[in-house]
Amino acid sequence: MEDHQDVIKQIEQIKPGFVGVEMDTSACSGKADILFWYGTHEDRVLIEDILAGDTFYGIPYRLENR
């Protein structure tokens, strides 16, 4: 994630305060995934357009409506 802060910032700027990114290590010891959260379906579509793949540079991710 550190190497791709520019992409993280681009996602967070979709709607500051209503779109965010978190590293989630709670699922399994020693492993992690990235949680991208958003407020509206339109936000999700924009996130998916930026990610354009099934992983975030090889890291699994999830999308969550909050």
N, C-alpha and C. Protein backbone atom coordinates (compact mmCIF):
# COMPACT_ATOMS: atom_id res chain seq x y z
N MET A 1 0.82 -1.19 0.00
CA MET A 1 0.00 0.00 0.00
C MET A 1 0.86 1.26 0.00
N GLU A 2 1.97 1.21 0.71
CA GLU A 2 2.83 2.39 0.80
C GLU A 2 3.32 2.87 -0.57
N ASP A 3 3.55 1.91 -1.47
CA ASP A 3 4.06 2.26 -2.79
C ASP A 3 3.00 2.88 -3.70
N HIS A 4 1.74 2.80 -3.28
CA HIS A 4 0.64 3.26 -4.15
C HIS A 4 -0.24 4.29 -3.45
N GLN A 5 0.38 5.16 -2.67
CA GLN A 5 -0.36 6.20 -1.95
C GLN A 5 -1.06 7.16 -2.90
N ASP A 6 -0.53 7.34 -4.09
CA ASP A 6 -1.18 8.22 -5.06
C ASP A 6 -2.55 7.68 -5.45
N VAL A 7 -2.67 6.38 -5.61
CA VAL A 7 -3.95 5.77 -5.96
C VAL A 7 -4.90 5.83 -4.76
N ILE A 8 -4.38 5.58 -3.56
CA ILE A 8 -5.19 5.67 -2.34
C ILE A 8 -5.77 7.08 -2.21
N LYS A 9 -4.93 8.09 -2.40
CA LYS A 9 -5.40 9.48 -2.29
C LYS A 9 -6.45 9.79 -3.36
N GLN A 10 -6.25 9.26 -4.55
CA GLN A 10 -7.23 9.46 -5.63
C GLN A 10 -8.58 8.88 -5.23
N ILE A 11 -8.58 7.70 -4.63
CA ILE A 11 -9.83 7.08 -4.19
C ILE A 11 -10.46 7.88 -3.06
N GLU A 12 -9.66 8.30 -2.08
CA GLU A 12 -10.20 9.06 -0.95
C GLU A 12 -10.77 10.40 -1.39
N GLN A 13 -10.26 10.95 -2.48
CA GLN A 13 -10.74 12.24 -2.97
C GLN A 13 -12.04 12.15 -3.76
N ILE A 14 -12.55 10.93 -3.99
CA ILE A 14 -13.84 10.78 -4.65
C ILE A 14 -14.90 11.55 -3.87
N LYS A 15 -14.92 11.37 -2.57
CA LYS A 15 -15.83 12.09 -1.70
C LYS A 15 -15.24 12.06 -0.29
N PRO A 16 -14.35 13.02 0.02
CA PRO A 16 -13.67 13.02 1.32
C PRO A 16 -14.65 12.90 2.50
N GLY A 17 -14.32 11.98 3.40
CA GLY A 17 -15.17 11.74 4.56
C GLY A 17 -16.24 10.69 4.34
N PHE A 18 -16.54 10.41 3.08
CA PHE A 18 -17.57 9.43 2.75
C PHE A 18 -17.01 8.25 1.96
N VAL A 19 -15.73 8.33 1.62
CA VAL A 19 -15.01 7.24 0.95
C VAL A 19 -13.69 7.09 1.68
N GLY A 20 -13.31 5.84 1.98
CA GLY A 20 -12.06 5.64 2.69
C GLY A 20 -11.43 4.30 2.42
N VAL A 21 -10.22 4.14 2.96
CA VAL A 21 -9.43 2.94 2.75
C VAL A 21 -8.85 2.50 4.09
N GLU A 22 -8.96 1.20 4.39
CA GLU A 22 -8.40 0.65 5.62
C GLU A 22 -7.71 -0.67 5.32
N MET A 23 -6.63 -0.95 6.03
CA MET A 23 -6.00 -2.27 5.97
C MET A 23 -6.67 -3.10 7.05
N ASP A 24 -7.15 -4.28 6.69
CA ASP A 24 -7.86 -5.16 7.63
C ASP A 24 -7.04 -6.42 7.87
N THR A 25 -6.57 -6.58 9.10
CA THR A 25 -5.79 -7.76 9.47
C THR A 25 -6.55 -8.67 10.41
N SER A 26 -7.83 -8.41 10.62
CA SER A 26 -8.60 -9.16 11.62
C SER A 26 -9.05 -10.54 11.14
N ALA A 27 -9.09 -10.77 9.85
CA ALA A 27 -9.65 -12.02 9.32
C ALA A 27 -8.75 -13.23 9.60
N CYS A 28 -7.46 -13.07 9.45
CA CYS A 28 -6.56 -14.22 9.58
C CYS A 28 -5.19 -13.73 10.03
N SER A 29 -4.62 -14.36 11.01
CA SER A 29 -3.32 -13.96 11.54
C SER A 29 -2.25 -14.02 10.44
N GLY A 30 -1.50 -12.94 10.32
CA GLY A 30 -0.42 -12.89 9.35
C GLY A 30 -0.85 -12.53 7.94
N LYS A 31 -2.14 -12.35 7.72
CA LYS A 31 -2.64 -11.99 6.39
C LYS A 31 -3.52 -10.76 6.51
N ALA A 32 -3.68 -10.07 5.40
CA ALA A 32 -4.50 -8.86 5.41
C ALA A 32 -5.16 -8.66 4.06
N ASP A 33 -6.18 -7.83 4.08
CA ASP A 33 -6.75 -7.35 2.84
C ASP A 33 -7.06 -5.87 3.03
N ILE A 34 -7.48 -5.25 1.97
CA ILE A 34 -7.79 -3.82 2.02
C ILE A 34 -9.29 -3.67 1.93
N LEU A 35 -9.82 -2.79 2.77
CA LEU A 35 -11.24 -2.48 2.76
C LEU A 35 -11.41 -1.07 2.19
N PHE A 36 -12.12 -0.98 1.09
CA PHE A 36 -12.51 0.31 0.54
C PHE A 36 -13.97 0.51 0.91
N TRP A 37 -14.27 1.58 1.64
CA TRP A 37 -15.66 1.83 2.02
C TRP A 37 -16.15 3.11 1.34
N TYR A 38 -17.46 3.14 1.16
CA TYR A 38 -18.06 4.21 0.37
C TYR A 38 -19.48 4.45 0.84
N GLY A 39 -20.07 5.57 0.40
CA GLY A 39 -21.40 5.94 0.84
C GLY A 39 -22.51 5.69 -0.18
N THR A 40 -22.19 5.76 -1.45
CA THR A 40 -23.22 5.60 -2.48
C THR A 40 -22.76 4.63 -3.56
N HIS A 41 -23.72 4.14 -4.33
CA HIS A 41 -23.38 3.26 -5.44
C HIS A 41 -22.48 3.97 -6.44
N GLU A 42 -22.71 5.24 -6.66
CA GLU A 42 -21.88 6.00 -7.59
C GLU A 42 -20.43 6.03 -7.12
N ASP A 43 -20.23 6.16 -5.80
CA ASP A 43 -18.87 6.13 -5.24
C ASP A 43 -18.21 4.79 -5.52
N ARG A 44 -18.98 3.71 -5.33
CA ARG A 44 -18.45 2.35 -5.59
C ARG A 44 -18.00 2.21 -7.05
N VAL A 45 -18.82 2.69 -7.97
CA VAL A 45 -18.49 2.59 -9.39
C VAL A 45 -17.18 3.33 -9.68
N LEU A 46 -17.01 4.50 -9.10
CA LEU A 46 -15.78 5.27 -9.31
C LEU A 46 -14.57 4.54 -8.73
N ILE A 47 -14.73 3.94 -7.54
CA ILE A 47 -13.64 3.15 -6.94
C ILE A 47 -13.28 1.98 -7.85
N GLU A 48 -14.29 1.26 -8.32
CA GLU A 48 -14.04 0.12 -9.20
C GLU A 48 -13.34 0.54 -10.48
N ASP A 49 -13.68 1.70 -11.00
CA ASP A 49 -13.03 2.21 -12.21
C ASP A 49 -11.54 2.47 -11.96
N ILE A 50 -11.23 3.02 -10.79
CA ILE A 50 -9.83 3.30 -10.45
C ILE A 50 -9.06 2.00 -10.22
N LEU A 51 -9.66 1.06 -9.52
CA LEU A 51 -8.99 -0.21 -9.21
C LEU A 51 -8.79 -1.07 -10.46
N ALA A 52 -9.81 -1.14 -11.29
CA ALA A 52 -9.75 -1.85 -12.57
C ALA A 52 -9.12 -3.24 -12.48
N GLY A 53 -9.50 -3.99 -11.46
CA GLY A 53 -9.00 -5.35 -11.34
C GLY A 53 -9.50 -6.02 -10.07
N ASP A 54 -9.13 -7.28 -9.90
CA ASP A 54 -9.60 -8.05 -8.76
C ASP A 54 -8.76 -7.87 -7.51
N THR A 55 -7.57 -7.25 -7.64
CA THR A 55 -6.71 -6.99 -6.49
C THR A 55 -6.19 -5.56 -6.58
N PHE A 56 -5.68 -5.08 -5.46
CA PHE A 56 -5.02 -3.78 -5.42
C PHE A 56 -3.52 -4.06 -5.44
N TYR A 57 -2.95 -4.09 -6.63
CA TYR A 57 -1.53 -4.40 -6.81
C TYR A 57 -1.15 -5.69 -6.10
N GLY A 58 -1.98 -6.72 -6.27
CA GLY A 58 -1.71 -8.04 -5.70
C GLY A 58 -2.30 -8.28 -4.33
N ILE A 59 -2.86 -7.25 -3.70
CA ILE A 59 -3.47 -7.39 -2.37
C ILE A 59 -4.97 -7.54 -2.55
N PRO A 60 -5.57 -8.59 -1.96
CA PRO A 60 -7.03 -8.72 -2.06
C PRO A 60 -7.73 -7.52 -1.43
N TYR A 61 -8.87 -7.16 -1.98
CA TYR A 61 -9.64 -6.07 -1.39
C TYR A 61 -11.12 -6.41 -1.34
N ARG A 62 -11.82 -5.66 -0.48
CA ARG A 62 -13.28 -5.75 -0.35
C ARG A 62 -13.84 -4.36 -0.47
N LEU A 63 -15.08 -4.28 -0.92
CA LEU A 63 -15.82 -3.03 -0.99
C LEU A 63 -16.99 -3.10 -0.02
N GLU A 64 -17.19 -2.04 0.76
CA GLU A 64 -18.26 -2.05 1.76
C GLU A 64 -19.01 -0.73 1.75
N ASN A 65 -20.33 -0.83 1.65
CA ASN A 65 -21.18 0.35 1.73
C ASN A 65 -21.40 0.67 3.20
N ARG A 66 -21.13 1.90 3.58
CA ARG A 66 -21.33 2.32 4.98
C ARG A 66 -22.37 3.38 5.03
